[in-house]
Amino acid sequence: MAAFHHLTEQDCLAAVGSSPEGLSAPEAERRLAEHGPNRLPEMRGRRPLRRFLAQFHNVLIYVLIVAAVITGAMQHWVDTGVILAVVLANAIVGFLQEGKAEAAMAAIRGRLAPKAAVLRDCRRISVGGEHLVPGNVVLLEAGDKVPADLRILKARGLSAQEAMLTGESVSVEKSSDPVVVDAALGDRRSMLWSGTLVTNGTARGLVVATGETTEIGRIGGLLAGDRTTDHAVGRADGPFLRAGCRS
């Protein structure tokens, strides 16, 4: 994605093929079909028992279970107990981590704005947040939740709460002035991020990213990826499993 925080307003508009007056209705519909709705994909949850049993579906776990059977047959009960304890602890930790990942994804989806005020055919209208597309011009005021990643075109006394992304508890002052290209996320004062909250002022912003391509969508993708990776490798690099391998 282009470094929109570093570009001028006109360059940003040119990059996404838009104008200060926003998109026409037909063009917005075309882009919606091209980019898809502005929402995060839902992770299909599994029942707790199935999620717990899935923690044992891994080659390394199978090896440890076979080792436990062998040591048990040799009546090395201490070794058997240690191996089984490692396998069980690893499964419990994985079960809890996967549950937290699903809860975190649900919380992230809940932070997306359900409605947004946009300029459409030079008129201000309200649309569902999932209908936003790159190139839409969004109007924001204090108390609004940012519906997508926006490059600020105009701002008046604007500040936003971005703790969910940066960890900063205080609101950040925003403006339309470009910043250096290598600015950290929290220093990109010319941007507003999906899911954050406008605490003061008003703004007009250009949608530059929606859905999974937003910063919050990237975080959701990392959470989903961690869950998939954990399931695929059985957390083979987890502390309990490493201890089991050493034993």
Foldseek 3Di string as FASTA:
>chain_A
DDLLLFDAPVVLCVVLVADLLFEAPVVLVVQCVVPPWQAADADDDDPLVVLLVLLCPAPLSVVLVVVLVVCVVVVVVVLNVLSVVLSNVLSVVLSVLLVVLNVVLVVLRVLAFQKFWWRYPSDTDIDGLRSDGFRTKTKDFAFGFDHAKWQFNAWDQWWWQDCVPPVDRDIGAAGNDRDDSPDDPVPSRRIDFGSIGIHHTITITGHDDGYLRTPSNVVSVVSVVVSVVCSHRSPCVDPSNVVSVVD
